[in-house]
C-alpha cells in the first residue's frame, strides 16, 4: 500500500469503528506486518479514545485456524470498548464471533529496566485476573485472509467484556482451568486454559516481547486480554452467552 494512503486508510477504519459502519478498503494490498501495525496505530490515534490495555487474537491454534492467522496479533483496547460486568451488548455489523479469554490487570511496568521477560517475571507483574468474553469483528465488507489485514483492521477487536475479580486465585494454577461455554444454558464449547500458549500468562510474555521490540512496555493498570482458549464462537442478536471458568468464576452477556 502506498505510504500516502496509510493515513486515509486509518481514518476510514477509525470512522467505521466509531460509527459501527462497514467500509470498502483493499486491506489485502498491505505488504508487511510493520505497515499493518502502522495503519492500526494511526487508526487508534484517529479514534482519540483513552487506551486501557491490549487485546490479543490468535493465541490458540483453534482460534488461528478459524481466523486464518499464521500467528497471534494484538491491538490496543480503547476505554470505550472495555466493559465490566456488562449484561447486554449490541453486536455491530461485521461481527465475527466471541472468544473466551482471561483479562489480566498489570500491577507494575513490565518489563522493568533490565528485567527478563518470562513466565515467572510476568506472574510477578500481574495484579488481578478476570474471566472475559472478547468480541471480534471486521470494519470491511469484504473478508480478507491473513494477518496483515487483520492487524490493520484494529486487530479485529470490537469489545472486551470482563467478569468479576476472583479472590485468592493463584496465578500458578490458571493453566489447569477448564472453560465451558453455554448458549441459552446449553453447553456448546469447552476448552482448556493451557491451549493459550500452554499457560494464559504466556500471552503476557508474548505481548511484552512484541512491545519491547517496538520500544514500549506494559504499564500499571493496563488490561491484557489473552485471546481465546476455545475456538471462536459465532454469536447472534438475541442469544445469551455464558462462560464458566471454574475457580475463576463466570462471565455472561445477552447480545442484541
Protein backbone atom coordinates (compact mmCIF):
# COMPACT_ATOMS: atom_id res chain seq x y z
CA UNK A 1 0.00 0.00 0.00
CA UNK A 2 1.42 3.39 -0.93
CA UNK A 3 2.60 5.47 2.02
CA UNK A 4 0.28 8.38 1.23
CA UNK A 5 -2.70 6.03 1.52
CA UNK A 6 -1.88 4.89 5.07
CA UNK A 7 -3.41 7.89 6.82
CA UNK A 8 -6.51 7.82 4.63
CA UNK A 9 -6.94 4.10 5.30
CA UNK A 10 -6.53 4.66 9.05
CA UNK A 11 -9.08 7.49 9.05
CA UNK A 12 -11.65 5.33 7.25
CA UNK A 13 -11.10 2.44 9.69
CA UNK A 14 -11.44 4.79 12.66
CA UNK A 15 -14.63 6.30 11.29
CA UNK A 16 -16.05 2.85 10.59
CA UNK A 17 -15.35 1.75 14.15
CA UNK A 18 -16.73 4.92 15.70
CA UNK A 19 -19.97 4.81 13.71
CA UNK A 20 -20.23 0.99 13.58
CA UNK A 21 -20.31 1.01 9.80
CA UNK A 22 -18.67 -1.24 7.21
CA UNK A 23 -16.36 0.19 4.60
CA UNK A 24 -14.66 -0.81 1.36
CA UNK A 25 -10.90 -0.92 1.78
CA UNK A 26 -8.38 -3.12 -0.09
CA UNK A 27 -6.59 -4.30 3.04
CA UNK A 28 -5.13 -7.20 1.05
CA UNK A 29 -2.76 -4.66 -0.53
CA UNK A 30 -0.90 -4.20 2.78
CA UNK A 31 2.53 -5.63 2.11
CA UNK A 32 4.09 -6.10 5.55
CA UNK A 33 3.32 -6.58 9.22
CA UNK A 34 5.10 -3.32 10.02
CA UNK A 35 2.86 -1.43 7.61
CA UNK A 36 -0.20 -3.14 9.10
CA UNK A 37 0.68 -2.10 12.66
CA UNK A 38 1.45 1.44 11.43
CA UNK A 39 -2.07 1.68 9.98
CA UNK A 40 -3.59 0.22 13.15
CA UNK A 41 -1.72 2.74 15.32
CA UNK A 42 -2.78 5.64 13.12
CA UNK A 43 -6.40 4.45 13.23
CA UNK A 44 -6.30 4.26 17.02
CA UNK A 45 -4.83 7.77 17.17
CA UNK A 46 -7.63 8.97 14.90
CA UNK A 47 -10.23 7.47 17.25
CA UNK A 48 -8.88 9.70 20.02
CA UNK A 49 -10.11 7.48 22.86
CA UNK A 50 -8.25 6.79 26.08
CA UNK A 51 -6.49 3.42 25.84
CA UNK A 52 -6.89 0.82 28.54
CA UNK A 53 -4.65 -2.05 27.50
CA UNK A 54 -4.22 -4.68 24.82
CA UNK A 55 -6.26 -7.44 23.20
CA UNK A 56 -4.56 -10.49 21.74
CA UNK A 57 -6.16 -12.55 18.98
CA UNK A 58 -4.98 -15.93 17.72
CA UNK A 59 -3.20 -17.09 20.88
CA UNK A 60 -4.53 -20.64 20.46
CA UNK A 61 -4.25 -22.95 17.48
CA UNK A 62 -8.03 -23.32 17.16
CA UNK A 63 -8.65 -19.58 17.02
CA UNK A 64 -5.85 -19.03 14.48
CA UNK A 65 -7.31 -21.73 12.26
CA UNK A 66 -10.78 -20.14 12.39
CA UNK A 67 -9.46 -16.65 11.64
CA UNK A 68 -6.86 -17.63 9.05
CA UNK A 69 -3.92 -16.34 11.08
CA UNK A 70 -0.43 -17.77 10.98
CA UNK A 71 0.48 -16.32 14.39
CA UNK A 72 -1.04 -14.17 17.15
CA UNK A 73 -1.73 -10.47 16.64
CA UNK A 74 -2.55 -7.66 19.06
CA UNK A 75 -4.24 -4.27 19.25
CA UNK A 76 -4.91 -1.63 21.88
CA UNK A 77 -8.22 -1.59 23.77
CA UNK A 78 -10.00 1.78 23.76
CA UNK A 79 -11.61 2.66 27.09
CA UNK A 80 -14.96 2.86 25.29
CA UNK A 81 -14.64 -0.82 24.30
CA UNK A 82 -13.83 -2.23 27.75
CA UNK A 83 -16.78 -3.25 29.91
CA UNK A 84 -17.03 -4.64 33.44
CA UNK A 85 -19.98 -6.87 34.32
CA UNK A 86 -21.87 -5.93 31.14
CA UNK A 87 -25.22 -7.74 30.98
CA UNK A 88 -26.15 -6.70 27.45
CA UNK A 89 -24.15 -5.79 24.36
CA UNK A 90 -25.31 -4.71 20.93
CA UNK A 91 -23.45 -6.52 18.15
CA UNK A 92 -22.25 -4.19 15.39
CA UNK A 93 -22.17 -5.05 11.67
CA UNK A 94 -19.20 -7.20 10.76
CA UNK A 95 -19.17 -9.22 13.99
CA UNK A 96 -17.20 -12.44 13.55
CA UNK A 97 -17.79 -14.05 16.92
CA UNK A 98 -16.84 -14.33 20.57
CA UNK A 99 -13.78 -15.72 22.31
CA UNK A 100 -13.49 -16.85 25.92
CA UNK A 101 -10.36 -15.39 27.42
CA UNK A 102 -8.55 -14.18 30.52
CA UNK A 103 -8.28 -10.47 31.31
CA UNK A 104 -5.24 -9.57 33.39
CA UNK A 105 -4.63 -6.24 35.09
CA UNK A 106 -0.98 -5.29 35.39
CA UNK A 107 0.44 -4.34 38.79
CA UNK A 108 3.54 -2.52 37.59
CA UNK A 109 5.51 -1.62 34.48
CA UNK A 110 6.54 -4.77 32.64
CA UNK A 111 9.27 -5.40 31.86
CA UNK A 112 11.18 -3.04 34.11
CA UNK A 113 14.63 -1.93 33.01
CA UNK A 114 16.87 -4.95 32.55
CA UNK A 115 14.13 -7.40 33.61
CA UNK A 116 13.96 -10.77 31.91
CA UNK A 117 10.66 -11.42 30.14
CA UNK A 118 9.48 -14.89 31.12
CA UNK A 119 6.64 -16.72 32.86
CA UNK A 120 7.97 -16.13 36.37
CA UNK A 121 8.52 -12.39 35.96
CA UNK A 122 5.14 -12.00 34.23
CA UNK A 123 3.37 -13.62 37.18
CA UNK A 124 5.08 -11.16 39.49
CA UNK A 125 3.86 -8.22 37.37
CA UNK A 126 0.13 -9.18 37.47
CA UNK A 127 -2.32 -7.59 39.88
CA UNK A 128 -5.56 -9.47 39.13
CA UNK A 129 -7.20 -11.84 36.66
CA UNK A 130 -10.83 -11.96 35.50
CA UNK A 131 -12.83 -14.16 33.13
CA UNK A 132 -13.78 -12.33 29.94
CA UNK A 133 -15.60 -12.54 26.63
CA UNK A 134 -13.85 -10.92 23.71
CA UNK A 135 -15.90 -9.88 20.67
CA UNK A 136 -14.24 -9.88 17.27
CA UNK A 137 -15.28 -8.28 14.02
CA UNK A 138 -14.26 -6.54 10.83
CA UNK A 139 -14.76 -2.99 9.65
CA UNK A 140 -14.68 -4.03 5.98
CA UNK A 141 -17.48 -5.52 3.91
CA UNK A 142 -15.06 -7.95 2.31
CA UNK A 143 -13.28 -10.60 4.35
CA UNK A 144 -9.53 -10.87 3.88
CA UNK A 145 -7.39 -13.86 4.80
CA UNK A 146 -4.10 -13.28 6.57
CA UNK A 147 -2.57 -11.41 9.45
CA UNK A 148 -1.76 -8.07 7.82
CA UNK A 149 -5.38 -7.22 7.02
CA UNK A 150 -6.49 -8.35 10.49
CA UNK A 151 -3.80 -6.27 12.20
CA UNK A 152 -4.66 -3.13 10.28
CA UNK A 153 -8.38 -3.65 10.92
CA UNK A 154 -7.77 -2.75 14.59
CA UNK A 155 -6.73 -6.32 15.37
CA UNK A 156 -10.34 -7.47 14.75
CA UNK A 157 -11.17 -6.20 18.24
CA UNK A 158 -14.70 -5.00 18.97
CA UNK A 159 -15.04 -5.20 22.76
CA UNK A 160 -13.78 -6.90 25.89
CA UNK A 161 -16.46 -7.86 28.44
CA UNK A 162 -14.94 -8.64 31.84
CA UNK A 163 -16.47 -10.57 34.71
CA UNK A 164 -15.87 -10.28 38.45
CA UNK A 165 -12.48 -10.47 40.12
CA UNK A 166 -11.74 -13.85 41.68
CA UNK A 167 -10.31 -13.51 45.21
CA UNK A 168 -7.35 -15.65 46.20
CA UNK A 169 -6.83 -17.17 42.75
CA UNK A 170 -3.30 -18.47 42.38
CA UNK A 171 -1.68 -17.42 39.10
CA UNK A 172 0.27 -20.68 39.07
CA UNK A 173 -2.99 -22.63 38.73
CA UNK A 174 -4.52 -20.83 35.75
CA UNK A 175 -3.23 -23.28 33.14
CA UNK A 176 -5.22 -26.13 34.70
CA UNK A 177 -8.61 -24.38 34.35
CA UNK A 178 -11.27 -25.90 32.10
CA UNK A 179 -13.60 -23.44 30.38
CA UNK A 180 -17.14 -24.27 29.28
CA UNK A 181 -19.38 -22.02 27.21
CA UNK A 182 -23.16 -22.07 27.13
CA UNK A 183 -25.76 -20.63 24.77
CA UNK A 184 -29.18 -20.46 26.43
CA UNK A 185 -27.73 -22.67 29.20
CA UNK A 186 -26.84 -25.45 26.73
CA UNK A 187 -23.17 -26.45 26.52
CA UNK A 188 -21.75 -25.57 23.12
CA UNK A 189 -17.97 -25.42 23.56
CA UNK A 190 -15.32 -26.41 26.03
CA UNK A 191 -11.64 -25.68 26.17
CA UNK A 192 -8.58 -25.58 28.37
CA UNK A 193 -6.69 -22.55 29.56
CA UNK A 194 -3.49 -24.30 28.57
CA UNK A 195 -4.47 -24.01 24.90
CA UNK A 196 -3.37 -20.37 25.21
CA UNK A 197 0.38 -20.78 24.69
CA UNK A 198 0.47 -23.59 27.32
CA UNK A 199 -0.40 -21.05 30.05
CA UNK A 200 -2.54 -17.88 29.73
CA UNK A 201 0.24 -15.87 31.37
CA UNK A 202 2.46 -16.72 28.42
CA UNK A 203 0.19 -14.40 26.44
CA UNK A 204 1.58 -11.57 28.59
CA UNK A 205 5.11 -12.84 27.96
CA UNK A 206 4.45 -12.85 24.20
CA UNK A 207 2.87 -9.38 24.23
CA UNK A 208 5.60 -7.84 26.41
CA UNK A 209 8.20 -9.22 23.99
CA UNK A 210 6.35 -7.77 21.00
CA UNK A 211 6.03 -4.37 22.69
CA UNK A 212 9.68 -4.36 23.77
CA UNK A 213 10.74 -4.83 20.15
CA UNK A 214 8.80 -1.63 19.43
CA UNK A 215 10.34 0.29 22.35
CA UNK A 216 7.23 0.02 24.51
CA UNK A 217 6.16 -1.78 27.68
CA UNK A 218 3.07 -2.67 29.66
CA UNK A 219 2.07 -0.07 32.23
CA UNK A 220 0.38 -0.35 35.67
CA UNK A 221 -3.39 -0.97 35.35
CA UNK A 222 -3.11 -2.00 31.70
CA UNK A 223 -5.58 -4.73 30.79
CA UNK A 224 -4.25 -7.68 28.79
CA UNK A 225 -6.94 -9.83 27.16
CA UNK A 226 -5.24 -13.11 26.28
CA UNK A 227 -7.19 -14.39 23.29
CA UNK A 228 -9.38 -17.44 23.16
CA UNK A 229 -8.94 -20.76 24.93
CA UNK A 230 -11.69 -22.22 22.72
CA UNK A 231 -12.43 -21.85 19.04
CA UNK A 232 -14.21 -18.66 18.00
CA UNK A 233 -17.94 -18.95 18.67
CA UNK A 234 -20.32 -17.32 16.21
CA UNK A 235 -22.94 -15.28 18.06
CA UNK A 236 -26.15 -13.53 17.01
CA UNK A 237 -28.58 -10.96 18.32
CA UNK A 238 -30.94 -12.42 20.91
CA UNK A 239 -28.50 -15.02 22.23
CA UNK A 240 -27.37 -15.40 25.83
CA UNK A 241 -23.75 -16.47 26.15
CA UNK A 242 -22.17 -17.61 29.41
CA UNK A 243 -18.65 -18.89 30.04
CA UNK A 244 -17.69 -20.83 33.14
CA UNK A 245 -14.01 -20.56 34.12
CA UNK A 246 -14.27 -22.88 37.13
CA UNK A 247 -12.49 -21.36 40.17
CA UNK A 248 -12.06 -18.05 38.33
CA UNK A 249 -15.84 -17.57 38.05
CA UNK A 250 -18.26 -16.87 35.24
CA UNK A 251 -18.96 -14.14 32.71
CA UNK A 252 -22.17 -13.78 30.72
CA UNK A 253 -23.92 -11.43 28.33
CA UNK A 254 -27.08 -11.11 26.24
CA UNK A 255 -26.47 -9.87 22.71
CA UNK A 256 -28.84 -7.51 20.98
